[in-house]
Protein backbone atom coordinates (compact mmCIF):
# COMPACT_ATOMS: atom_id res chain seq x y z
CA MET A 1 0.00 0.00 0.00
CA ASP A 2 1.30 3.43 -0.93
CA SER A 3 1.91 5.45 2.24
CA GLY A 4 1.90 8.72 0.32
CA LYS A 5 5.40 9.52 1.55
CA LYS A 6 8.25 10.20 -0.83
CA PRO A 7 11.14 7.70 -0.67
CA ASP A 8 13.53 10.30 0.73
CA GLU A 9 11.05 11.04 3.54
CA THR A 10 10.94 7.35 4.47
CA LEU A 11 14.73 7.14 4.46
CA GLU A 12 14.89 10.18 6.70
CA GLN A 13 12.54 8.47 9.17
CA TYR A 14 14.67 5.35 9.39
CA ARG A 15 17.90 7.30 9.62
CA TYR A 16 16.40 9.27 12.50
CA PHE A 17 16.05 5.98 14.38
CA LEU A 18 19.83 5.51 14.16
CA LYS A 19 20.49 8.91 15.69
CA ASP A 20 20.03 9.93 19.32
CA SER A 21 18.14 13.12 18.56
CA ILE A 22 15.01 11.76 20.21
CA ARG A 23 16.68 11.95 23.63
CA GLN A 24 16.48 15.75 23.53
CA THR A 25 12.72 15.60 23.02
CA ILE A 26 11.85 13.38 26.01
CA ASN A 27 10.79 14.54 29.44
CA PHE A 28 12.56 11.91 31.52
CA THR A 29 10.76 13.02 34.67
CA GLN A 30 7.68 11.33 33.21
CA THR A 31 9.13 7.88 32.54
CA ALA A 32 7.71 4.96 34.49
CA GLN A 33 10.88 4.77 36.54
CA SER A 34 10.76 8.47 37.45
CA ARG A 35 7.10 8.08 38.44
CA ARG A 36 8.18 5.22 40.74
CA LEU A 37 6.10 2.62 38.95
CA PRO A 38 7.22 -1.00 39.41
CA ALA A 39 9.82 -2.23 36.94
CA PRO A 40 8.93 -5.19 34.73
CA PRO A 41 10.44 -8.45 36.03
CA LEU A 42 14.06 -9.10 35.02
CA GLN A 43 13.06 -12.61 33.95
CA LYS A 44 9.85 -13.72 32.34
CA PRO A 45 7.99 -16.04 34.73
CA CYS A 46 7.02 -19.58 33.78
CA PRO A 47 4.21 -21.87 34.95
CA GLU A 48 4.80 -23.60 38.28
CA ASN A 49 4.20 -27.04 36.77
CA ALA A 50 6.56 -26.50 33.80
CA VAL A 51 9.34 -29.02 33.17
CA ARG A 52 12.72 -27.48 34.00
CA VAL A 53 16.16 -28.71 33.03
CA ASP A 54 19.12 -27.91 35.27
CA LEU A 55 22.14 -26.65 33.36
CA PRO A 56 25.83 -27.18 34.15
CA ASP A 57 27.61 -24.09 35.43
CA GLY A 58 28.04 -22.00 32.27
CA PHE A 59 31.07 -20.04 33.43
CA ARG A 60 32.98 -23.15 34.48
CA SER A 61 31.94 -24.99 31.33
CA LEU A 62 33.18 -22.20 29.09
CA LYS A 63 36.43 -21.94 31.02
CA LYS A 64 36.99 -25.70 30.84
CA LEU A 65 35.98 -26.23 27.22
CA CYS A 66 37.47 -23.08 25.73
CA SER A 67 40.54 -23.99 23.66
CA VAL A 68 41.06 -20.70 21.83
CA PRO A 69 42.47 -17.48 23.40
CA VAL A 70 40.19 -14.46 23.08
CA VAL A 71 42.56 -12.71 20.64
CA ASP A 72 42.41 -15.74 18.33
CA ALA A 73 38.64 -15.99 18.69
CA ILE A 74 38.32 -12.37 17.57
CA ALA A 75 40.68 -12.91 14.66
CA ARG A 76 38.95 -16.12 13.52
CA ARG A 77 35.34 -15.04 14.06
CA GLU A 78 33.21 -15.53 10.97
CA SER A 79 29.71 -16.60 10.00
CA GLU A 80 29.35 -20.38 9.60
CA ARG A 81 26.46 -21.86 7.64
CA PHE A 82 27.68 -25.44 7.32
CA TYR A 83 27.48 -27.69 10.39
CA THR A 84 28.48 -31.28 11.02
CA ALA A 85 26.06 -33.88 12.37
CA ALA A 86 27.80 -33.81 15.75
CA ALA A 87 25.63 -33.03 18.75
CA LEU A 88 26.17 -30.02 20.96
CA GLY A 89 26.91 -31.00 24.55
CA LEU A 90 24.62 -29.69 27.27
CA ASP A 91 27.70 -28.17 28.91
CA GLU A 92 28.53 -26.42 25.62
CA LEU A 93 24.99 -25.07 25.31
CA SER A 94 25.17 -23.87 28.91
CA ALA A 95 28.48 -22.15 28.18
CA LEU A 96 26.95 -20.33 25.20
CA LEU A 97 23.89 -19.30 27.16
CA TRP A 98 26.06 -17.95 29.97
CA ALA A 99 28.26 -16.06 27.48
CA THR A 100 25.25 -14.35 25.93
CA GLN A 101 22.91 -13.67 28.86
CA GLY A 102 24.49 -15.07 32.00
CA VAL A 103 23.94 -13.25 35.29
CA ARG A 104 27.07 -12.01 37.04
CA ARG A 105 25.53 -10.17 39.95
CA VAL A 106 22.04 -9.07 41.04
CA LEU A 107 22.12 -5.52 42.38
CA SER A 108 18.41 -5.12 43.11
CA GLU A 109 14.98 -6.26 41.92
CA GLU A 110 15.37 -3.71 39.13
CA CYS A 111 18.98 -4.26 38.09
CA ALA A 112 21.35 -7.14 37.37
CA LEU A 113 24.77 -7.21 35.75
CA ARG A 114 25.21 -9.81 33.02
CA THR A 115 27.92 -11.02 30.68
CA VAL A 116 26.93 -8.47 28.03
CA PRO A 117 26.37 -4.72 28.33
CA SER A 118 22.87 -3.29 28.22
CA ALA A 119 21.62 0.30 28.40
CA GLY A 120 20.87 1.03 32.04
CA ALA A 121 21.42 -2.68 32.78
CA ARG A 122 17.82 -3.25 31.68
CA HIS A 123 18.44 -6.35 29.53
CA SER A 124 15.20 -6.58 27.59
CA PHE A 125 15.86 -9.98 26.02
CA GLU A 126 14.59 -13.50 26.55
CA THR A 127 16.48 -16.41 24.97
CA TYR A 128 14.64 -19.30 23.33
CA ILE A 129 16.44 -22.43 22.13
CA ALA A 130 15.17 -24.62 19.31
CA ALA A 131 17.18 -27.70 20.30
CA GLY A 132 17.38 -30.40 17.66
CA ASN A 133 20.66 -32.10 18.49
CA VAL A 134 21.79 -31.41 22.06
CA GLU A 135 23.06 -34.28 24.20
CA GLY A 136 20.65 -35.16 27.00
CA LEU A 137 17.99 -32.73 25.79
CA PRO A 138 14.89 -34.02 23.98
CA ALA A 139 14.29 -32.18 20.72
CA GLY A 140 11.99 -29.22 21.19
CA LEU A 141 11.71 -25.59 22.21
CA TYR A 142 13.10 -24.26 25.48
CA ARG A 143 13.53 -20.89 27.19
CA TYR A 144 16.60 -19.95 29.18
CA LEU A 145 16.13 -18.95 32.81
CA PRO A 146 19.41 -17.13 33.54
CA PHE A 147 18.57 -16.34 37.17
CA ASP A 148 17.94 -20.05 37.85
CA ASN A 149 20.56 -21.53 35.49
CA GLN A 150 17.84 -23.69 33.96
CA LEU A 151 15.92 -24.25 30.76
CA VAL A 152 12.14 -24.41 30.84
CA GLN A 153 10.68 -26.87 28.38
CA LEU A 154 7.98 -25.26 26.22
CA PHE A 155 7.19 -28.21 23.95
CA LEU A 156 8.85 -31.26 22.40
CA ASP A 157 9.09 -31.67 18.64
CA GLU A 158 11.43 -33.92 16.64
CA LYS A 159 11.04 -31.55 13.68
CA ILE A 160 11.95 -28.39 15.61
CA GLY A 161 14.92 -27.73 13.31
CA SER A 162 12.71 -27.71 10.22
CA ARG A 163 10.17 -25.49 11.96
CA ALA A 164 12.91 -23.05 12.92
CA ALA A 165 14.20 -23.00 9.34
CA TRP A 166 10.70 -22.33 8.00
CA ALA A 167 10.31 -19.38 10.40
CA CYS A 168 13.64 -18.07 9.07
CA MET A 169 12.24 -17.76 5.56
CA ALA A 170 13.14 -21.36 4.71
CA GLN A 171 16.90 -20.82 5.09
CA ARG A 172 17.85 -24.49 4.95
CA PHE A 173 21.10 -24.28 6.91
CA VAL A 174 19.05 -23.47 10.04
CA ALA A 175 17.56 -26.98 9.99
CA ALA A 176 21.06 -28.49 10.17
CA ALA A 177 21.99 -26.59 13.35
CA ALA A 178 22.28 -28.43 16.64
CA ALA A 179 20.42 -25.56 18.32
CA THR A 180 19.06 -22.23 17.19
CA PHE A 181 19.04 -19.20 19.47
CA PHE A 182 15.96 -16.98 19.16
CA TRP A 183 16.14 -13.69 21.06
CA THR A 184 12.95 -11.85 21.82
CA THR A 185 12.64 -8.44 23.39
CA ILE A 186 10.19 -7.33 26.04
CA PRO A 187 10.33 -3.60 25.20
CA SER A 188 8.64 -2.46 28.41
CA ARG A 189 11.78 -3.40 30.38
CA MET A 190 13.72 -0.73 28.53
CA GLU A 191 10.80 1.69 28.11
CA TRP A 192 10.38 1.74 31.90
CA ARG A 193 13.62 3.73 32.12
CA TYR A 194 14.02 5.40 28.73
CA GLY A 195 10.56 5.91 27.27
CA LEU A 196 10.72 6.60 23.52
CA ALA A 197 14.53 6.48 23.61
CA ALA A 198 14.38 2.76 24.47
CA HIS A 199 14.13 1.23 21.04
CA LYS A 200 17.44 2.15 19.47
CA VAL A 201 19.35 0.83 22.48
CA ILE A 202 17.42 -2.45 22.34
CA ALA A 203 18.78 -2.90 18.82
CA LEU A 204 22.28 -2.03 19.98
CA ASP A 205 22.04 -4.50 22.87
CA ALA A 206 21.13 -7.31 20.46
CA GLY A 207 24.46 -6.80 18.72
CA HIS A 208 26.34 -7.13 22.01
CA VAL A 209 24.59 -10.43 22.72
CA CYS A 210 25.20 -12.00 19.33
CA GLN A 211 28.87 -10.99 19.17
CA ASN A 212 29.45 -12.82 22.45
CA LEU A 213 27.81 -15.88 20.87
CA TYR A 214 30.16 -15.67 17.89
CA LEU A 215 33.25 -15.45 20.08
CA ALA A 216 32.13 -18.20 22.45
CA CYS A 217 31.27 -20.49 19.52
CA THR A 218 34.70 -19.90 17.99
CA ALA A 219 36.36 -20.71 21.30
CA LEU A 220 34.38 -23.98 21.59
CA GLY A 221 34.93 -25.23 18.04
CA ALA A 222 31.37 -24.46 17.00
CA GLY A 223 29.95 -21.97 14.53
CA THR A 224 27.04 -19.60 14.18
CA CYS A 225 25.53 -17.21 11.68
CA ALA A 226 23.40 -14.26 12.78
CA ILE A 227 20.04 -13.98 11.04
CA ALA A 228 18.11 -10.74 10.73
CA ALA A 229 15.96 -11.85 7.78
CA TYR A 230 13.08 -13.87 9.17
CA ASP A 231 9.31 -14.13 9.07
CA GLN A 232 8.19 -12.09 12.07
CA THR A 233 4.78 -13.69 12.36
CA GLU A 234 6.08 -17.25 12.00
CA CYS A 235 8.89 -16.74 14.51
CA ASP A 236 6.59 -15.20 17.09
CA ARG A 237 4.09 -18.01 16.55
CA LEU A 238 6.79 -20.67 16.95
CA LEU A 239 7.96 -19.12 20.23
CA GLY A 240 4.43 -18.58 21.50
CA VAL A 241 4.83 -14.83 22.04
CA ASP A 242 2.21 -12.19 21.31
CA GLY A 243 4.20 -10.10 18.81
CA GLU A 244 3.42 -6.87 20.65
CA GLU A 245 4.61 -6.98 24.25
CA GLU A 246 7.23 -9.58 23.29
CA PHE A 247 8.57 -10.36 19.84
CA THR A 248 11.53 -11.86 18.00
CA VAL A 249 14.41 -9.51 17.20
CA TYR A 250 17.41 -11.72 16.31
CA ILE A 251 18.26 -15.34 15.55
CA ALA A 252 21.45 -17.41 15.42
CA PRO A 253 21.75 -21.13 14.58
CA VAL A 254 24.66 -22.97 16.23
CA GLY A 255 26.37 -26.19 15.22
CA LYS A 256 29.70 -28.00 15.29
CA VAL A 257 32.04 -27.17 12.41
């Protein structure tokens, strides 16, 4: 549908998003935080009767399994789209989860420091794992609980890899991954502090998270490839999120190389 806007006007709109000009237009005394409204939970709750899987200590796993110095991991980092049939160990998955969203220290009910930076330490993301070939983990969809060092089982499905690939616009290499990371955002976590200035920093934070995944994968002898081209509706449907208060923002399949 024609919006009636000239192409240069549309480009100007999207370029404005990349700038920080909006910060000068916001009355920060009126944000939810300034009005002393409760902050959204740092971790999305899950049903009491949900099946949970305890994870090995991610920090210790990464330290033990890491065979590549950080300088070499940076130098060798690249996108990998071809994976072997080897399974990903549960300790390896735990190491990758810790590297991308692990909790280092809880400062308060409103603030926790993690393994990646986030504007105002608000950390708006939830991590979902489409696990198709992880040792000791039945194939299906899981969500990471970083404050509990657990996975919550959402559903089991032997064809989860194919479903993940379909949601990623039928990019076939996704189906060959041992596990695919889906990151959603809950924007209200960031909006609570920053109002209309929240959305650019959410996008920036996603980059921090995925780069840590790249480096950790390289250090473990695995590979990943960030995906920003996906079917929004299909991804949100696969993850069981509403597409408004929580929605997919980034994806990264992981496999042995």
